[in-house]
Amino acid sequence: MIEEVLLDGFEAGVNFCLRETNLPLRTFPEHCPYLSDDAIADNFLCDTRQDWEG
């Protein structure tokens, strides 16, 4: 169940970004880079700073 929610959220996020940014699909990971256990962990932090550097 959690895996499905994570996948749905990831796909929805990619679709949103495609509409809002006009970036090509290849910009985004093909699969969600996070595991469900990681995403629900108390200490989980999605650090995307490196995505915007250089």
PDB file of N, CA and C in Angstrom:
ATOM      1  N   MET A   1       0.825  -1.189   0.000  1.00  0.00           N
ATOM      2  CA  MET A   1       0.000   0.000   0.000  1.00  0.00           C
ATOM      3  C   MET A   1       0.870   1.254   0.000  1.00  0.00           C
ATOM      4  N   ILE A   2       1.852   1.315   0.890  1.00  0.00           N
ATOM      5  CA  ILE A   2       2.720   2.486   0.960  1.00  0.00           C
ATOM      6  C   ILE A   2       3.507   2.625  -0.335  1.00  0.00           C
ATOM      7  N   GLU A   3       3.945   1.500  -0.889  1.00  0.00           N
ATOM      8  CA  GLU A   3       4.693   1.542  -2.137  1.00  0.00           C
ATOM      9  C   GLU A   3       3.859   2.151  -3.262  1.00  0.00           C
ATOM     10  N   GLU A   4       2.565   1.796  -3.299  1.00  0.00           N
ATOM     11  CA  GLU A   4       1.675   2.337  -4.325  1.00  0.00           C
ATOM     12  C   GLU A   4       1.486   3.840  -4.165  1.00  0.00           C
ATOM     13  N   VAL A   5       1.344   4.283  -2.936  1.00  0.00           N
ATOM     14  CA  VAL A   5       1.172   5.710  -2.666  1.00  0.00           C
ATOM     15  C   VAL A   5       2.431   6.477  -3.055  1.00  0.00           C
ATOM     16  N   LEU A   6       3.584   5.934  -2.712  1.00  0.00           N
ATOM     17  CA  LEU A   6       4.847   6.570  -3.065  1.00  0.00           C
ATOM     18  C   LEU A   6       4.993   6.659  -4.576  1.00  0.00           C
ATOM     19  N   LEU A   7       4.680   5.588  -5.280  1.00  0.00           N
ATOM     20  CA  LEU A   7       4.755   5.572  -6.739  1.00  0.00           C
ATOM     21  C   LEU A   7       3.771   6.566  -7.354  1.00  0.00           C
ATOM     22  N   ASP A   8       2.544   6.587  -6.862  1.00  0.00           N
ATOM     23  CA  ASP A   8       1.545   7.525  -7.376  1.00  0.00           C
ATOM     24  C   ASP A   8       1.986   8.968  -7.161  1.00  0.00           C
ATOM     25  N   GLY A   9       2.521   9.248  -5.976  1.00  0.00           N
ATOM     26  CA  GLY A   9       2.995  10.596  -5.673  1.00  0.00           C
ATOM     27  C   GLY A   9       4.168  10.992  -6.549  1.00  0.00           C
ATOM     28  N   PHE A  10       5.073  10.065  -6.771  1.00  0.00           N
ATOM     29  CA  PHE A  10       6.225  10.333  -7.624  1.00  0.00           C
ATOM     30  C   PHE A  10       5.773  10.632  -9.051  1.00  0.00           C
ATOM     31  N   GLU A  11       4.899   9.791  -9.580  1.00  0.00           N
ATOM     32  CA  GLU A  11       4.410   9.999 -10.949  1.00  0.00           C
ATOM     33  C   GLU A  11       3.638  11.309 -11.068  1.00  0.00           C
ATOM     34  N   ALA A  12       2.828  11.626 -10.081  1.00  0.00           N
ATOM     35  CA  ALA A  12       2.081  12.883 -10.097  1.00  0.00           C
ATOM     36  C   ALA A  12       3.036  14.071 -10.038  1.00  0.00           C
ATOM     37  N   GLY A  13       4.082  13.950  -9.238  1.00  0.00           N
ATOM     38  CA  GLY A  13       5.068  15.022  -9.135  1.00  0.00           C
ATOM     39  C   GLY A  13       5.811  15.242 -10.440  1.00  0.00           C
ATOM     40  N   VAL A  14       6.193  14.169 -11.091  1.00  0.00           N
ATOM     41  CA  VAL A  14       6.873  14.287 -12.383  1.00  0.00           C
ATOM     42  C   VAL A  14       5.931  14.915 -13.408  1.00  0.00           C
ATOM     43  N   ASN A  15       4.692  14.462 -13.443  1.00  0.00           N
ATOM     44  CA  ASN A  15       3.723  15.029 -14.388  1.00  0.00           C
ATOM     45  C   ASN A  15       3.516  16.522 -14.138  1.00  0.00           C
ATOM     46  N   PHE A  16       3.418  16.909 -12.880  1.00  0.00           N
ATOM     47  CA  PHE A  16       3.263  18.316 -12.530  1.00  0.00           C
ATOM     48  C   PHE A  16       4.467  19.126 -13.016  1.00  0.00           C
ATOM     49  N   CYS A  17       5.655  18.611 -12.732  1.00  0.00           N
ATOM     50  CA  CYS A  17       6.878  19.311 -13.145  1.00  0.00           C
ATOM     51  C   CYS A  17       6.984  19.423 -14.659  1.00  0.00           C
ATOM     52  N   LEU A  18       6.572  18.391 -15.371  1.00  0.00           N
ATOM     53  CA  LEU A  18       6.607  18.445 -16.836  1.00  0.00           C
ATOM     54  C   LEU A  18       5.701  19.560 -17.353  1.00  0.00           C
ATOM     55  N   ARG A  19       4.517  19.687 -16.767  1.00  0.00           N
ATOM     56  CA  ARG A  19       3.584  20.733 -17.194  1.00  0.00           C
ATOM     57  C   ARG A  19       4.076  22.125 -16.826  1.00  0.00           C
ATOM     58  N   GLU A  20       4.645  22.256 -15.647  1.00  0.00           N
ATOM     59  CA  GLU A  20       5.010  23.570 -15.136  1.00  0.00           C
ATOM     60  C   GLU A  20       6.351  24.095 -15.648  1.00  0.00           C
ATOM     61  N   THR A  21       7.246  23.217 -16.040  1.00  0.00           N
ATOM     62  CA  THR A  21       8.597  23.653 -16.378  1.00  0.00           C
ATOM     63  C   THR A  21       8.965  23.494 -17.844  1.00  0.00           C
ATOM     64  N   ASN A  22       8.226  22.688 -18.568  1.00  0.00           N
ATOM     65  CA  ASN A  22       8.565  22.372 -19.963  1.00  0.00           C
ATOM     66  C   ASN A  22       9.931  21.691 -20.094  1.00  0.00           C
ATOM     67  N   LEU A  23      10.415  21.106 -19.018  1.00  0.00           N
ATOM     68  CA  LEU A  23      11.647  20.337 -19.072  1.00  0.00           C
ATOM     69  C   LEU A  23      11.369  19.006 -19.769  1.00  0.00           C
ATOM     70  N   PRO A  24      12.350  18.426 -20.429  1.00  0.00           N
ATOM     71  CA  PRO A  24      12.140  17.124 -21.065  1.00  0.00           C
ATOM     72  C   PRO A  24      12.014  16.011 -20.016  1.00  0.00           C
ATOM     73  N   LEU A  25      11.294  14.978 -20.359  1.00  0.00           N
ATOM     74  CA  LEU A  25      11.078  13.852 -19.451  1.00  0.00           C
ATOM     75  C   LEU A  25      12.392  13.256 -18.969  1.00  0.00           C
ATOM     76  N   ARG A  26      13.415  13.248 -19.800  1.00  0.00           N
ATOM     77  CA  ARG A  26      14.704  12.643 -19.427  1.00  0.00           C
ATOM     78  C   ARG A  26      15.367  13.370 -18.259  1.00  0.00           C
ATOM     79  N   THR A  27      14.882  14.558 -17.911  1.00  0.00           N
ATOM     80  CA  THR A  27      15.410  15.321 -16.782  1.00  0.00           C
ATOM     81  C   THR A  27      15.154  14.600 -15.458  1.00  0.00           C
ATOM     82  N   PHE A  28      14.084  13.844 -15.408  1.00  0.00           N
ATOM     83  CA  PHE A  28      13.625  13.230 -14.167  1.00  0.00           C
ATOM     84  C   PHE A  28      13.995  11.749 -14.108  1.00  0.00           C
ATOM     85  N   PRO A  29      14.186  11.236 -12.898  1.00  0.00           N
ATOM     86  CA  PRO A  29      14.484   9.798 -12.775  1.00  0.00           C
ATOM     87  C   PRO A  29      13.346   8.963 -13.359  1.00  0.00           C
ATOM     88  N   GLU A  30      13.693   7.852 -13.941  1.00  0.00           N
ATOM     89  CA  GLU A  30      12.682   6.963 -14.516  1.00  0.00           C
ATOM     90  C   GLU A  30      11.850   6.308 -13.414  1.00  0.00           C
ATOM     91  N   HIS A  31      12.504   6.032 -12.294  1.00  0.00           N
ATOM     92  CA  HIS A  31      11.836   5.395 -11.159  1.00  0.00           C
ATOM     93  C   HIS A  31      12.055   6.241  -9.919  1.00  0.00           C
ATOM     94  N   CYS A  32      11.152   6.138  -8.991  1.00  0.00           N
ATOM     95  CA  CYS A  32      11.288   6.871  -7.734  1.00  0.00           C
ATOM     96  C   CYS A  32      12.597   6.462  -7.056  1.00  0.00           C
ATOM     97  N   PRO A  33      13.438   7.443  -6.704  1.00  0.00           N
ATOM     98  CA  PRO A  33      14.738   7.109  -6.120  1.00  0.00           C
ATOM     99  C   PRO A  33      14.686   6.794  -4.625  1.00  0.00           C
ATOM    100  N   TYR A  34      13.503   6.779  -4.051  1.00  0.00           N
ATOM    101  CA  TYR A  34      13.370   6.561  -2.611  1.00  0.00           C
ATOM    102  C   TYR A  34      12.610   5.281  -2.315  1.00  0.00           C
ATOM    103  N   LEU A  35      12.994   4.621  -1.260  1.00  0.00           N
ATOM    104  CA  LEU A  35      12.283   3.440  -0.787  1.00  0.00           C
ATOM    105  C   LEU A  35      11.185   3.879   0.171  1.00  0.00           C
ATOM    106  N   SER A  36      10.114   3.116   0.236  1.00  0.00           N
ATOM    107  CA  SER A  36       9.008   3.491   1.120  1.00  0.00           C
ATOM    108  C   SER A  36       9.455   3.535   2.578  1.00  0.00           C
ATOM    109  N   ASP A  37      10.299   2.615   2.986  1.00  0.00           N
ATOM    110  CA  ASP A  37      10.788   2.628   4.369  1.00  0.00           C
ATOM    111  C   ASP A  37      11.584   3.896   4.663  1.00  0.00           C
ATOM    112  N   ASP A  38      12.350   4.365   3.691  1.00  0.00           N
ATOM    113  CA  ASP A  38      13.105   5.598   3.868  1.00  0.00           C
ATOM    114  C   ASP A  38      12.166   6.798   3.975  1.00  0.00           C
ATOM    115  N   ALA A  39      11.165   6.840   3.109  1.00  0.00           N
ATOM    116  CA  ALA A  39      10.262   7.986   3.045  1.00  0.00           C
ATOM    117  C   ALA A  39       9.444   8.162   4.320  1.00  0.00           C
ATOM    118  N   ILE A  40       9.158   7.080   5.026  1.00  0.00           N
ATOM    119  CA  ILE A  40       8.359   7.206   6.255  1.00  0.00           C
ATOM    120  C   ILE A  40       9.216   7.255   7.519  1.00  0.00           C
ATOM    121  N   ALA A  41      10.524   7.174   7.360  1.00  0.00           N
ATOM    122  CA  ALA A  41      11.419   7.232   8.524  1.00  0.00           C
ATOM    123  C   ALA A  41      11.392   8.637   9.137  1.00  0.00           C
ATOM    124  N   ASP A  42      11.466   8.696  10.442  1.00  0.00           N
ATOM    125  CA  ASP A  42      11.430   9.974  11.153  1.00  0.00           C
ATOM    126  C   ASP A  42      12.562  10.905  10.741  1.00  0.00           C
ATOM    127  N   ASN A  43      13.691  10.348  10.379  1.00  0.00           N
ATOM    128  CA  ASN A  43      14.853  11.169  10.060  1.00  0.00           C
ATOM    129  C   ASN A  43      15.040  11.378   8.559  1.00  0.00           C
ATOM    130  N   PHE A  44      14.032  11.044   7.758  1.00  0.00           N
ATOM    131  CA  PHE A  44      14.145  11.189   6.307  1.00  0.00           C
ATOM    132  C   PHE A  44      14.101  12.655   5.910  1.00  0.00           C
ATOM    133  N   LEU A  45      15.041  13.054   5.076  1.00  0.00           N
ATOM    134  CA  LEU A  45      15.067  14.401   4.536  1.00  0.00           C
ATOM    135  C   LEU A  45      15.478  14.297   3.080  1.00  0.00           C
ATOM    136  N   CYS A  46      14.639  14.759   2.214  1.00  0.00           N
ATOM    137  CA  CYS A  46      14.932  14.739   0.788  1.00  0.00           C
ATOM    138  C   CYS A  46      15.806  15.949   0.475  1.00  0.00           C
ATOM    139  N   ASP A  47      17.082  15.735   0.322  1.00  0.00           N
ATOM    140  CA  ASP A  47      18.036  16.805   0.073  1.00  0.00           C
ATOM    141  C   ASP A  47      18.274  16.916  -1.430  1.00  0.00           C
ATOM    142  N   THR A  48      17.726  17.946  -2.031  1.00  0.00           N
ATOM    143  CA  THR A  48      17.842  18.127  -3.476  1.00  0.00           C
ATOM    144  C   THR A  48      18.787  19.267  -3.846  1.00  0.00           C
ATOM    145  N   ARG A  49      19.572  19.736  -2.899  1.00  0.00           N
ATOM    146  CA  ARG A  49      20.464  20.855  -3.202  1.00  0.00           C
ATOM    147  C   ARG A  49      21.397  20.556  -4.365  1.00  0.00           C
ATOM    148  N   GLN A  50      21.911  19.330  -4.457  1.00  0.00           N
ATOM    149  CA  GLN A  50      22.831  18.982  -5.537  1.00  0.00           C
ATOM    150  C   GLN A  50      22.142  19.006  -6.888  1.00  0.00           C
ATOM    151  N   ASP A  51      20.807  18.895  -6.912  1.00  0.00           N
ATOM    152  CA  ASP A  51      20.081  18.927  -8.184  1.00  0.00           C
ATOM    153  C   ASP A  51      20.191  20.292  -8.868  1.00  0.00           C
ATOM    154  N   TRP A  52      20.435  21.327  -8.099  1.00  0.00           N
ATOM    155  CA  TRP A  52      20.417  22.683  -8.643  1.00  0.00           C
ATOM    156  C   TRP A  52      21.810  23.278  -8.738  1.00  0.00           C
ATOM    157  N   GLU A  53      22.824  22.544  -8.352  1.00  0.00           N
ATOM    158  CA  GLU A  53      24.197  23.052  -8.407  1.00  0.00           C
ATOM    159  C   GLU A  53      24.808  22.760  -9.777  1.00  0.00           C
ATOM    160  N   GLY A  54      25.642  23.707 -10.241  1.00  0.00           N
ATOM    161  CA  GLY A  54      26.423  23.530 -11.456  1.00  0.00           C
ATOM    162  C   GLY A  54      25.625  23.219 -12.628  1.00  0.00           C
TER     163      GLY A  54
END
